[in-house]
PDB file of N, CA and C in Angstrom:
ATOM      1  N   MET A   1       1.040  -1.286   0.013  1.00  0.00           N
ATOM      2  CA  MET A   1      -0.219  -0.227   0.201  1.00  0.00           C
ATOM      3  C   MET A   1       1.051   1.244   0.147  1.00  0.00           C
ATOM      4  N   SER A   2       0.512   2.682  -0.639  1.00  0.00           N
ATOM      5  CA  SER A   2       1.284   4.001  -0.568  1.00  0.00           C
ATOM      6  C   SER A   2       0.841   4.208   0.557  1.00  0.00           C
ATOM      7  N   ALA A   3       1.382   5.864   0.697  1.00  0.00           N
ATOM      8  CA  ALA A   3       1.353   6.479   1.850  1.00  0.00           C
ATOM      9  C   ALA A   3      -0.222   7.277   1.631  1.00  0.00           C
ATOM     10  N   GLU A   4      -0.533   7.206   0.433  1.00  0.00           N
ATOM     11  CA  GLU A   4      -2.009   7.602   0.068  1.00  0.00           C
ATOM     12  C   GLU A   4      -2.822   7.394   0.741  1.00  0.00           C
ATOM     13  N   HIS A   5      -3.096   5.831   1.010  1.00  0.00           N
ATOM     14  CA  HIS A   5      -3.934   4.923   2.190  1.00  0.00           C
ATOM     15  C   HIS A   5      -3.876   5.290   3.215  1.00  0.00           C
ATOM     16  N   GLY A   6      -2.899   6.038   3.960  1.00  0.00           N
ATOM     17  CA  GLY A   6      -2.843   6.240   5.749  1.00  0.00           C
ATOM     18  C   GLY A   6      -1.842   5.019   6.086  1.00  0.00           C
ATOM     19  N   ASN A   7      -1.083   4.422   5.352  1.00  0.00           N
ATOM     20  CA  ASN A   7      -0.406   3.475   6.535  1.00  0.00           C
ATOM     21  C   ASN A   7       0.639   3.835   6.545  1.00  0.00           C
ATOM     22  N   ARG A   8       1.184   4.964   6.337  1.00  0.00           N
ATOM     23  CA  ARG A   8       2.813   5.543   6.794  1.00  0.00           C
ATOM     24  C   ARG A   8       2.281   6.604   7.303  1.00  0.00           C
ATOM     25  N   ALA A   9       3.197   6.736   8.299  1.00  0.00           N
ATOM     26  CA  ALA A   9       3.095   7.963   9.582  1.00  0.00           C
ATOM     27  C   ALA A   9       3.479   9.457   8.779  1.00  0.00           C
ATOM     28  N   LYS A  10       2.502  10.230   8.816  1.00  0.00           N
ATOM     29  CA  LYS A  10       2.987  11.755   8.355  1.00  0.00           C
ATOM     30  C   LYS A  10       4.747  12.475   9.006  1.00  0.00           C
ATOM     31  N   ASN A  11       4.924  12.825   8.132  1.00  0.00           N
ATOM     32  CA  ASN A  11       6.161  13.860   9.044  1.00  0.00           C
ATOM     33  C   ASN A  11       5.524  14.809   9.949  1.00  0.00           C
ATOM     34  N   LEU A  12       5.935  14.828  10.852  1.00  0.00           N
ATOM     35  CA  LEU A  12       5.179  15.804  11.711  1.00  0.00           C
ATOM     36  C   LEU A  12       6.174  16.832  12.197  1.00  0.00           C
ATOM     37  N   VAL A  13       7.781  16.544  12.194  1.00  0.00           N
ATOM     38  CA  VAL A  13       8.742  17.268  12.231  1.00  0.00           C
ATOM     39  C   VAL A  13       9.007  18.532  12.043  1.00  0.00           C
ATOM     40  N   GLY A  14       9.090  19.416  13.019  1.00  0.00           N
ATOM     41  CA  GLY A  14       8.857  20.895  12.572  1.00  0.00           C
ATOM     42  C   GLY A  14       7.367  21.792  12.865  1.00  0.00           C
ATOM     43  N   LYS A  15       6.488  20.673  13.095  1.00  0.00           N
ATOM     44  CA  LYS A  15       4.922  21.201  13.549  1.00  0.00           C
ATOM     45  C   LYS A  15       5.031  21.465  14.868  1.00  0.00           C
ATOM     46  N   ARG A  16       3.825  22.368  15.315  1.00  0.00           N
ATOM     47  CA  ARG A  16       3.652  23.100  16.791  1.00  0.00           C
ATOM     48  C   ARG A  16       1.965  22.331  16.717  1.00  0.00           C
ATOM     49  N   TYR A  17       2.076  21.591  18.078  1.00  0.00           N
ATOM     50  CA  TYR A  17       1.043  21.182  18.824  1.00  0.00           C
ATOM     51  C   TYR A  17       1.175  21.763  20.247  1.00  0.00           C
ATOM     52  N   GLY A  18       0.062  22.687  20.232  1.00  0.00           N
ATOM     53  CA  GLY A  18      -0.069  23.381  21.358  1.00  0.00           C
ATOM     54  C   GLY A  18       1.534  24.016  21.934  1.00  0.00           C
ATOM     55  N   ARG A  19       1.720  23.537  22.609  1.00  0.00           N
ATOM     56  CA  ARG A  19       3.073  24.007  23.522  1.00  0.00           C
ATOM     57  C   ARG A  19       4.391  23.093  22.873  1.00  0.00           C
ATOM     58  N   LEU A  20       3.941  21.885  22.275  1.00  0.00           N
ATOM     59  CA  LEU A  20       4.858  21.054  21.890  1.00  0.00           C
ATOM     60  C   LEU A  20       5.606  21.003  20.579  1.00  0.00           C
ATOM     61  N   VAL A  21       6.404  21.193  19.913  1.00  0.00           N
ATOM     62  CA  VAL A  21       7.370  21.157  18.806  1.00  0.00           C
ATOM     63  C   VAL A  21       7.786  20.046  18.454  1.00  0.00           C
ATOM     64  N   VAL A  22       7.505  19.406  17.482  1.00  0.00           N
ATOM     65  CA  VAL A  22       7.977  17.908  16.740  1.00  0.00           C
ATOM     66  C   VAL A  22       9.165  18.212  16.618  1.00  0.00           C
ATOM     67  N   THR A  23      10.468  17.449  17.203  1.00  0.00           N
ATOM     68  CA  THR A  23      11.819  17.349  16.732  1.00  0.00           C
ATOM     69  C   THR A  23      12.521  16.370  15.945  1.00  0.00           C
ATOM     70  N   ALA A  24      11.733  15.296  16.405  1.00  0.00           N
ATOM     71  CA  ALA A  24      12.241  13.890  15.503  1.00  0.00           C
ATOM     72  C   ALA A  24      11.351  12.659  16.008  1.00  0.00           C
ATOM     73  N   ARG A  25      11.915  11.434  15.183  1.00  0.00           N
ATOM     74  CA  ARG A  25      10.796  10.849  15.070  1.00  0.00           C
ATOM     75  C   ARG A  25      11.544   9.694  16.333  1.00  0.00           C
ATOM     76  N   ALA A  26      10.389   9.241  17.159  1.00  0.00           N
ATOM     77  CA  ALA A  26      10.885   8.265  18.027  1.00  0.00           C
ATOM     78  C   ALA A  26      10.900   6.645  17.906  1.00  0.00           C
ATOM     79  N   ALA A  27      11.249   5.754  18.171  1.00  0.00           N
ATOM     80  CA  ALA A  27      10.552   4.390  18.345  1.00  0.00           C
ATOM     81  C   ALA A  27       9.335   4.128  18.490  1.00  0.00           C
ATOM     82  N   ASN A  28       8.380   3.490  17.535  1.00  0.00           N
ATOM     83  CA  ASN A  28       7.229   2.946  17.807  1.00  0.00           C
ATOM     84  C   ASN A  28       6.863   2.291  18.788  1.00  0.00           C
ATOM     85  N   ALA A  29       5.637   2.414  19.517  1.00  0.00           N
ATOM     86  CA  ALA A  29       5.317   1.640  20.881  1.00  0.00           C
ATOM     87  C   ALA A  29       3.841   1.325  20.562  1.00  0.00           C
ATOM     88  N   ASN A  30       3.829   0.247  20.607  1.00  0.00           N
ATOM     89  CA  ASN A  30       2.262  -0.254  20.624  1.00  0.00           C
ATOM     90  C   ASN A  30       1.783  -0.334  19.310  1.00  0.00           C
ATOM     91  N   GLY A  31       2.501   0.059  18.087  1.00  0.00           N
ATOM     92  CA  GLY A  31       2.265  -0.192  16.815  1.00  0.00           C
ATOM     93  C   GLY A  31       1.852   1.249  16.185  1.00  0.00           C
ATOM     94  N   LYS A  32       2.139   2.307  17.048  1.00  0.00           N
ATOM     95  CA  LYS A  32       1.844   3.727  16.893  1.00  0.00           C
ATOM     96  C   LYS A  32       3.048   4.582  16.767  1.00  0.00           C
ATOM     97  N   SER A  33       3.038   5.413  16.164  1.00  0.00           N
ATOM     98  CA  SER A  33       4.228   6.353  15.678  1.00  0.00           C
ATOM     99  C   SER A  33       4.120   7.362  16.904  1.00  0.00           C
ATOM    100  N   GLN A  34       5.402   7.581  17.043  1.00  0.00           N
ATOM    101  CA  GLN A  34       5.874   8.160  18.514  1.00  0.00           C
ATOM    102  C   GLN A  34       7.094   9.318  18.069  1.00  0.00           C
ATOM    103  N   TRP A  35       6.614  10.514  18.721  1.00  0.00           N
ATOM    104  CA  TRP A  35       7.316  11.433  17.910  1.00  0.00           C
ATOM    105  C   TRP A  35       8.006  12.452  19.309  1.00  0.00           C
ATOM    106  N   ARG A  36       9.437  12.891  19.130  1.00  0.00           N
ATOM    107  CA  ARG A  36       9.994  13.520  20.425  1.00  0.00           C
ATOM    108  C   ARG A  36       9.750  15.015  20.030  1.00  0.00           C
ATOM    109  N   CYS A  37       9.447  15.637  21.038  1.00  0.00           N
ATOM    110  CA  CYS A  37       8.681  16.791  21.211  1.00  0.00           C
ATOM    111  C   CYS A  37       9.656  17.703  22.227  1.00  0.00           C
ATOM    112  N   LEU A  38       9.649  19.151  21.855  1.00  0.00           N
ATOM    113  CA  LEU A  38      10.639  20.139  22.907  1.00  0.00           C
ATOM    114  C   LEU A  38       8.942  20.868  23.226  1.00  0.00           C
ATOM    115  N   CYS A  39       9.057  21.016  24.559  1.00  0.00           N
ATOM    116  CA  CYS A  39       7.888  21.912  25.205  1.00  0.00           C
ATOM    117  C   CYS A  39       8.670  23.522  25.259  1.00  0.00           C
ATOM    118  N   ASP A  40       7.557  24.455  25.244  1.00  0.00           N
ATOM    119  CA  ASP A  40       7.962  25.849  25.441  1.00  0.00           C
ATOM    120  C   ASP A  40       8.594  25.474  26.797  1.00  0.00           C
ATOM    121  N   CYS A  41       8.149  24.919  27.611  1.00  0.00           N
ATOM    122  CA  CYS A  41       9.026  25.095  28.917  1.00  0.00           C
ATOM    123  C   CYS A  41      10.229  24.707  29.119  1.00  0.00           C
ATOM    124  N   GLY A  42      10.887  24.165  28.048  1.00  0.00           N
ATOM    125  CA  GLY A  42      12.290  23.383  28.027  1.00  0.00           C
ATOM    126  C   GLY A  42      12.433  22.161  28.072  1.00  0.00           C
ATOM    127  N   SER A  43      11.449  21.165  28.394  1.00  0.00           N
ATOM    128  CA  SER A  43      11.693  19.693  28.563  1.00  0.00           C
ATOM    129  C   SER A  43      11.210  19.206  27.373  1.00  0.00           C
ATOM    130  N   SER A  44      11.774  17.935  27.405  1.00  0.00           N
ATOM    131  CA  SER A  44      11.411  17.219  26.251  1.00  0.00           C
ATOM    132  C   SER A  44      10.238  16.114  26.251  1.00  0.00           C
ATOM    133  N   ALA A  45       9.621  15.657  25.631  1.00  0.00           N
ATOM    134  CA  ALA A  45       8.664  14.706  26.004  1.00  0.00           C
ATOM    135  C   ALA A  45       8.588  13.966  24.846  1.00  0.00           C
ATOM    136  N   VAL A  46       8.329  12.414  24.687  1.00  0.00           N
ATOM    137  CA  VAL A  46       7.757  11.385  23.470  1.00  0.00           C
ATOM    138  C   VAL A  46       6.472  11.249  23.486  1.00  0.00           C
ATOM    139  N   ARG A  47       5.763  11.494  22.579  1.00  0.00           N
ATOM    140  CA  ARG A  47       4.087  11.470  22.533  1.00  0.00           C
ATOM    141  C   ARG A  47       3.505  10.838  20.726  1.00  0.00           C
ATOM    142  N   SER A  48       2.908  10.651  21.070  1.00  0.00           N
ATOM    143  CA  SER A  48       1.987   9.688  20.091  1.00  0.00           C
ATOM    144  C   SER A  48       1.563  10.532  19.004  1.00  0.00           C
ATOM    145  N   GLY A  49       1.834  10.249  17.903  1.00  0.00           N
ATOM    146  CA  GLY A  49       1.722  11.198  16.769  1.00  0.00           C
ATOM    147  C   GLY A  49       0.125  11.413  16.564  1.00  0.00           C
ATOM    148  N   ASN A  50      -0.809  10.432  16.896  1.00  0.00           N
ATOM    149  CA  ASN A  50      -2.200  10.465  16.773  1.00  0.00           C
ATOM    150  C   ASN A  50      -3.076  11.321  17.548  1.00  0.00           C
ATOM    151  N   LEU A  51      -2.244  11.568  19.104  1.00  0.00           N
ATOM    152  CA  LEU A  51      -2.787  12.137  19.946  1.00  0.00           C
ATOM    153  C   LEU A  51      -2.304  13.460  19.933  1.00  0.00           C
ATOM    154  N   LEU A  52      -1.187  13.401  19.130  1.00  0.00           N
ATOM    155  CA  LEU A  52      -0.764  15.173  18.876  1.00  0.00           C
ATOM    156  C   LEU A  52      -1.982  15.648  17.579  1.00  0.00           C
ATOM    157  N   THR A  53      -1.868  15.070  16.911  1.00  0.00           N
ATOM    158  CA  THR A  53      -2.949  15.313  15.405  1.00  0.00           C
ATOM    159  C   THR A  53      -4.366  15.688  16.012  1.00  0.00           C
ATOM    160  N   ARG A  54      -4.373  14.813  16.799  1.00  0.00           N
ATOM    161  CA  ARG A  54      -6.177  15.249  17.429  1.00  0.00           C
ATOM    162  C   ARG A  54      -6.087  16.188  17.972  1.00  0.00           C
ATOM    163  N   GLY A  55      -4.862  16.626  18.614  1.00  0.00           N
ATOM    164  CA  GLY A  55      -5.008  17.606  19.553  1.00  0.00           C
ATOM    165  C   GLY A  55      -5.694  17.357  21.105  1.00  0.00           C
ATOM    166  N   ASP A  56      -5.395  15.946  21.736  1.00  0.00           N
ATOM    167  CA  ASP A  56      -5.572  15.296  22.859  1.00  0.00           C
ATOM    168  C   ASP A  56      -4.640  15.951  23.684  1.00  0.00           C
ATOM    169  N   VAL A  57      -2.866  15.859  23.111  1.00  0.00           N
ATOM    170  CA  VAL A  57      -1.633  16.377  24.023  1.00  0.00           C
ATOM    171  C   VAL A  57      -1.375  17.868  23.527  1.00  0.00           C
ATOM    172  N   LEU A  58      -1.188  18.437  24.513  1.00  0.00           N
ATOM    173  CA  LEU A  58      -0.797  19.843  24.505  1.00  0.00           C
ATOM    174  C   LEU A  58       0.676  20.426  24.686  1.00  0.00           C
ATOM    175  N   SER A  59       0.717  19.776  25.685  1.00  0.00           N
ATOM    176  CA  SER A  59       2.486  19.732  26.617  1.00  0.00           C
ATOM    177  C   SER A  59       3.008  18.588  27.270  1.00  0.00           C
ATOM    178  N   CYS A  60       3.946  18.907  27.838  1.00  0.00           N
ATOM    179  CA  CYS A  60       4.636  17.761  28.292  1.00  0.00           C
ATOM    180  C   CYS A  60       3.675  17.350  29.335  1.00  0.00           C
ATOM    181  N   GLY A  61       3.327  18.264  29.973  1.00  0.00           N
ATOM    182  CA  GLY A  61       2.559  17.979  31.498  1.00  0.00           C
ATOM    183  C   GLY A  61       2.366  19.379  32.316  1.00  0.00           C
ATOM    184  N   CYS A  62       3.244  20.329  31.487  1.00  0.00           N
ATOM    185  CA  CYS A  62       3.265  21.516  32.550  1.00  0.00           C
ATOM    186  C   CYS A  62       1.985  22.427  32.583  1.00  0.00           C
ATOM    187  N   LEU A  63       1.315  22.340  31.309  1.00  0.00           N
ATOM    188  CA  LEU A  63       0.141  22.801  31.247  1.00  0.00           C
ATOM    189  C   LEU A  63      -0.987  22.558  32.236  1.00  0.00           C
ATOM    190  N   HIS A  64      -1.124  21.140  32.405  1.00  0.00           N
ATOM    191  CA  HIS A  64      -2.030  20.664  33.761  1.00  0.00           C
ATOM    192  C   HIS A  64      -1.246  21.141  34.826  1.00  0.00           C
ATOM    193  N   LYS A  65      -0.232  20.975  34.896  1.00  0.00           N
ATOM    194  CA  LYS A  65       0.373  21.622  36.121  1.00  0.00           C
ATOM    195  C   LYS A  65       0.135  23.035  36.581  1.00  0.00           C
ATOM    196  N   GLU A  66      -0.332  23.995  35.640  1.00  0.00           N
ATOM    197  CA  GLU A  66      -0.439  25.137  35.653  1.00  0.00           C
ATOM    198  C   GLU A  66      -1.840  25.610  35.692  1.00  0.00           C
ATOM    199  N   ARG A  67      -2.545  24.543  35.167  1.00  0.00           N
ATOM    200  CA  ARG A  67      -3.850  24.828  35.391  1.00  0.00           C
ATOM    201  C   ARG A  67      -4.587  24.720  36.602  1.00  0.00           C
ATOM    202  N   ALA A  68      -3.995  23.407  37.330  1.00  0.00           N
ATOM    203  CA  ALA A  68      -4.349  22.726  38.459  1.00  0.00           C
ATOM    204  C   ALA A  68      -4.096  23.702  39.655  1.00  0.00           C
ATOM    205  N   SER A  69      -2.538  24.063  39.668  1.00  0.00           N
ATOM    206  CA  SER A  69      -2.498  25.386  40.370  1.00  0.00           C
ATOM    207  C   SER A  69      -3.090  26.467  40.590  1.00  0.00           C
ATOM    208  N   ALA A  70      -3.940  27.035  39.280  1.00  0.00           N
ATOM    209  CA  ALA A  70      -4.768  27.909  39.338  1.00  0.00           C
ATOM    210  C   ALA A  70      -5.861  27.862  39.635  1.00  0.00           C
ATOM    211  N   ASN A  71      -6.147  26.483  39.439  1.00  0.00           N
ATOM    212  CA  ASN A  71      -7.772  26.346  39.756  1.00  0.00           C
ATOM    213  C   ASN A  71      -7.346  26.545  42.154  1.00  0.00           C
ATOM    214  N   MET A  72      -6.382  25.569  41.986  1.00  0.00           N
ATOM    215  CA  MET A  72      -6.337  25.519  43.911  1.00  0.00           C
ATOM    216  C   MET A  72      -6.171  26.768  44.402  1.00  0.00           C
ATOM    217  N   THR A  73      -5.594  27.871  43.771  1.00  0.00           N
ATOM    218  CA  THR A  73      -5.446  29.284  44.198  1.00  0.00           C
ATOM    219  C   THR A  73      -6.436  29.737  44.198  1.00  0.00           C
ATOM    220  N   GLN A  74      -7.671  29.475  43.217  1.00  0.00           N
ATOM    221  CA  GLN A  74      -8.894  30.174  43.380  1.00  0.00           C
ATOM    222  C   GLN A  74      -9.482  29.457  44.306  1.00  0.00           C
ATOM    223  N   LEU A  75      -9.846  27.692  44.368  1.00  0.00           N
ATOM    224  CA  LEU A  75     -10.488  27.501  45.509  1.00  0.00           C
ATOM    225  C   LEU A  75     -10.010  27.979  46.916  1.00  0.00           C
ATOM    226  N   HIS A  76      -8.582  28.284  47.253  1.00  0.00           N
ATOM    227  CA  HIS A  76      -8.320  28.860  48.256  1.00  0.00           C
ATOM    228  C   HIS A  76      -8.708  30.170  48.869  1.00  0.00           C
ATOM    229  N   ALA A  77      -8.871  31.086  47.722  1.00  0.00           N
ATOM    230  CA  ALA A  77      -9.202  32.432  47.617  1.00  0.00           C
ATOM    231  C   ALA A  77     -10.749  31.833  48.226  1.00  0.00           C
ATOM    232  N   ALA A  78     -11.386  31.380  47.530  1.00  0.00           N
ATOM    233  CA  ALA A  78     -12.717  31.344  48.141  1.00  0.00           C
ATOM    234  C   ALA A  78     -13.076  30.933  49.284  1.00  0.00           C
ATOM    235  N   LYS A  79     -12.381  29.645  49.670  1.00  0.00           N
ATOM    236  CA  LYS A  79     -12.557  29.170  51.198  1.00  0.00           C
ATOM    237  C   LYS A  79     -11.824  30.391  52.069  1.00  0.00           C
ATOM    238  N   ARG A  80     -11.013  31.325  51.999  1.00  0.00           N
ATOM    239  CA  ARG A  80     -10.456  32.258  52.897  1.00  0.00           C
ATOM    240  C   ARG A  80     -11.510  33.282  52.975  1.00  0.00           C
ATOM    241  N   ALA A  81     -12.544  33.729  51.927  1.00  0.00           N
ATOM    242  CA  ALA A  81     -13.108  34.147  51.768  1.00  0.00           C
ATOM    243  C   ALA A  81     -14.679  33.769  52.830  1.00  0.00           C
ATOM    244  N   GLY A  82     -15.077  32.705  52.933  1.00  0.00           N
ATOM    245  CA  GLY A  82     -15.996  32.496  53.850  1.00  0.00           C
ATOM    246  C   GLY A  82     -17.067  32.319  52.650  1.00  0.00           C
ATOM    247  N   PRO A  83     -18.400  31.564  53.610  1.00  0.00           N
ATOM    248  CA  PRO A  83     -19.488  31.680  52.925  1.00  0.00           C
ATOM    249  C   PRO A  83     -19.976  33.078  52.890  1.00  0.00           C
ATOM    250  N   PRO A  84     -20.989  33.374  52.164  1.00  0.00           N
ATOM    251  CA  PRO A  84     -21.569  34.664  52.560  1.00  0.00           C
ATOM    252  C   PRO A  84     -22.536  34.737  53.690  1.00  0.00           C
ATOM    253  N   LYS A  85     -22.498  35.856  54.308  1.00  0.00           N
ATOM    254  CA  LYS A  85     -23.262  35.905  55.781  1.00  0.00           C
ATOM    255  C   LYS A  85     -24.722  36.070  55.394  1.00  0.00           C
ATOM    256  N   GLN A  86     -25.386  35.550  56.343  1.00  0.00           N
ATOM    257  CA  GLN A  86     -26.891  35.369  56.676  1.00  0.00           C
ATOM    258  C   GLN A  86     -27.453  36.208  57.530  1.00  0.00           C
ATOM    259  N   TYR A  87     -28.030  37.148  57.978  1.00  0.00           N
ATOM    260  CA  TYR A  87     -28.616  38.184  59.176  1.00  0.00           C
ATOM    261  C   TYR A  87     -29.990  37.223  59.033  1.00  0.00           C
ATOM    262  N   GLY A  88     -30.120  37.162  60.698  1.00  0.00           N
ATOM    263  CA  GLY A  88     -31.503  36.199  60.448  1.00  0.00           C
ATOM    264  C   GLY A  88     -31.474  34.870  60.463  1.00  0.00           C
ATOM    265  N   ARG A  89     -32.795  34.517  60.865  1.00  0.00           N
ATOM    266  CA  ARG A  89     -32.955  33.248  60.281  1.00  0.00           C
ATOM    267  C   ARG A  89     -33.127  32.875  59.083  1.00  0.00           C
ATOM    268  N   PRO A  90     -32.638  32.195  57.975  1.00  0.00           N
ATOM    269  CA  PRO A  90     -33.066  32.081  56.650  1.00  0.00           C
ATOM    270  C   PRO A  90     -34.519  31.516  56.746  1.00  0.00           C
ATOM    271  N   GLY A  91     -35.248  31.791  55.914  1.00  0.00           N
ATOM    272  CA  GLY A  91     -36.499  30.855  55.008  1.00  0.00           C
ATOM    273  C   GLY A  91     -37.633  31.113  56.247  1.00  0.00           C
ATOM    274  N   ARG A  92     -37.494  32.124  57.043  1.00  0.00           N
ATOM    275  CA  ARG A  92     -38.160  32.251  57.838  1.00  0.00           C
ATOM    276  C   ARG A  92     -38.870  34.021  58.220  1.00  0.00           C
ATOM    277  N   PRO A  93     -39.587  34.665  57.873  1.00  0.00           N
ATOM    278  CA  PRO A  93     -40.022  35.609  58.077  1.00  0.00           C
ATOM    279  C   PRO A  93     -39.806  36.347  59.780  1.00  0.00           C
ATOM    280  N   LYS A  94     -39.195  37.601  59.867  1.00  0.00           N
ATOM    281  CA  LYS A  94     -38.762  38.167  60.747  1.00  0.00           C
ATOM    282  C   LYS A  94     -39.883  37.726  62.120  1.00  0.00           C
ATOM    283  N   ASN A  95     -41.542  38.388  61.670  1.00  0.00           N
ATOM    284  CA  ASN A  95     -42.436  38.504  62.836  1.00  0.00           C
ATOM    285  C   ASN A  95     -43.090  37.474  62.601  1.00  0.00           C
ATOM    286  N   VAL A  96     -42.857  36.714  62.985  1.00  0.00           N
ATOM    287  CA  VAL A  96     -44.243  35.410  62.630  1.00  0.00           C
ATOM    288  C   VAL A  96     -45.533  35.679  63.236  1.00  0.00           C
ATOM    289  N   THR A  97     -45.332  36.265  64.502  1.00  0.00           N
ATOM    290  CA  THR A  97     -46.331  36.090  65.440  1.00  0.00           C
ATOM    291  C   THR A  97     -47.540  37.411  64.603  1.00  0.00           C
ATOM    292  N   LYS A  98     -47.209  38.495  63.918  1.00  0.00           N
ATOM    293  CA  LYS A  98     -48.127  39.263  63.267  1.00  0.00           C
ATOM    294  C   LYS A  98     -48.638  38.763  61.892  1.00  0.00           C
ATOM    295  N   ASP A  99     -47.490  38.214  61.229  1.00  0.00           N
ATOM    296  CA  ASP A  99     -48.390  37.270  60.323  1.00  0.00           C
ATOM    297  C   ASP A  99     -49.318  36.269  60.610  1.00  0.00           C
ATOM    298  N   ALA A 100     -49.264  35.673  61.575  1.00  0.00           N
ATOM    299  CA  ALA A 100     -49.909  34.309  61.834  1.00  0.00           C
ATOM    300  C   ALA A 100     -51.597  35.501  62.542  1.00  0.00           C
ATOM    301  N   THR A 101     -51.184  36.509  63.070  1.00  0.00           N
ATOM    302  CA  THR A 101     -52.374  37.234  63.467  1.00  0.00           C
ATOM    303  C   THR A 101     -53.323  37.935  62.113  1.00  0.00           C
ATOM    304  N   ALA A 102     -52.324  38.307  61.172  1.00  0.00           N
ATOM    305  CA  ALA A 102     -52.962  39.097  60.208  1.00  0.00           C
ATOM    306  C   ALA A 102     -53.779  37.470  59.132  1.00  0.00           C
ATOM    307  N   LEU A 103     -53.225  36.311  59.132  1.00  0.00           N
ATOM    308  CA  LEU A 103     -53.882  35.196  58.749  1.00  0.00           C
ATOM    309  C   LEU A 103     -55.164  34.836  59.489  1.00  0.00           C
ATOM    310  N   ALA A 104     -54.888  34.879  60.515  1.00  0.00           N
ATOM    311  CA  ALA A 104     -56.280  34.679  61.193  1.00  0.00           C
ATOM    312  C   ALA A 104     -57.283  35.350  61.283  1.00  0.00           C
ATOM    313  N   VAL A 105     -56.774  36.905  61.325  1.00  0.00           N
ATOM    314  CA  VAL A 105     -57.965  37.893  60.956  1.00  0.00           C
ATOM    315  C   VAL A 105     -58.581  37.682  59.409  1.00  0.00           C
ATOM    316  N   ALA A 106     -57.697  37.454  58.798  1.00  0.00           N
ATOM    317  CA  ALA A 106     -58.495  37.141  56.955  1.00  0.00           C
ATOM    318  C   ALA A 106     -59.105  36.278  57.307  1.00  0.00           C
ATOM    319  N   PHE A 107     -59.233  34.930  58.087  1.00  0.00           N
ATOM    320  CA  PHE A 107     -59.827  33.434  58.117  1.00  0.00           C
ATOM    321  C   PHE A 107     -61.130  34.075  58.678  1.00  0.00           C
ATOM    322  N   GLY A 108     -61.078  35.017  59.496  1.00  0.00           N
ATOM    323  CA  GLY A 108     -62.260  34.972  60.623  1.00  0.00           C
ATOM    324  C   GLY A 108     -62.101  34.760  61.431  1.00  0.00           C
ATOM    325  N   TYR A 109     -60.995  34.485  62.214  1.00  0.00           N
ATOM    326  CA  TYR A 109     -61.118  34.138  63.724  1.00  0.00           C
ATOM    327  C   TYR A 109     -60.970  35.135  64.224  1.00  0.00           C
ATOM    328  N   PRO A 110     -61.466  35.655  65.049  1.00  0.00           N
ATOM    329  CA  PRO A 110     -61.260  36.971  66.119  1.00  0.00           C
ATOM    330  C   PRO A 110     -60.101  36.914  66.571  1.00  0.00           C
ATOM    331  N   ARG A 111     -59.602  38.201  67.048  1.00  0.00           N
ATOM    332  CA  ARG A 111     -58.405  38.502  67.445  1.00  0.00           C
ATOM    333  C   ARG A 111     -57.858  37.737  68.576  1.00  0.00           C
ATOM    334  N   GLY A 112     -56.673  37.102  68.945  1.00  0.00           N
ATOM    335  CA  GLY A 112     -56.727  36.495  70.137  1.00  0.00           C
ATOM    336  C   GLY A 112     -56.881  34.977  70.644  1.00  0.00           C
ATOM    337  N   ASP A 113     -58.115  34.740  69.847  1.00  0.00           N
ATOM    338  CA  ASP A 113     -58.439  33.575  70.044  1.00  0.00           C
ATOM    339  C   ASP A 113     -58.911  32.823  68.939  1.00  0.00           C
ATOM    340  N   LYS A 114     -58.207  31.782  68.534  1.00  0.00           N
ATOM    341  CA  LYS A 114     -58.484  31.255  67.048  1.00  0.00           C
ATOM    342  C   LYS A 114     -59.678  29.916  67.203  1.00  0.00           C
ATOM    343  N   ASN A 115     -60.346  29.533  68.494  1.00  0.00           N
ATOM    344  CA  ASN A 115     -60.644  28.550  69.019  1.00  0.00           C
ATOM    345  C   ASN A 115     -62.187  29.000  68.605  1.00  0.00           C
ATOM    346  N   ALA A 116     -62.390  30.060  68.696  1.00  0.00           N
ATOM    347  CA  ALA A 116     -64.016  31.101  68.995  1.00  0.00           C
ATOM    348  C   ALA A 116     -64.299  30.729  68.032  1.00  0.00           C
TER     349      ALA A 116
END
């Protein structure tokens, strides 16, 4: 079969995928083409060509670490701020007795005595 049918790996050397720049071909692993890449952070990594071209891999792992660190910073800032303050008892009117008296009068009970 020829390269037109997709049986040969494409040459990815020099192409950029996220923070990774492909520098050389590496040995195949599990029948998949592997590529040696240089990350913008300076480290090198070997990644599958399939994962690179699909966009599943964007860095050597430094991007994940940066995002996780940013998420934890936001989480800790929210915890330091604490929950929003609630004034009074939530879900209950401030003056229940006045409301109950108004309802009793509205339904025909005389003031003060509901059994009459």
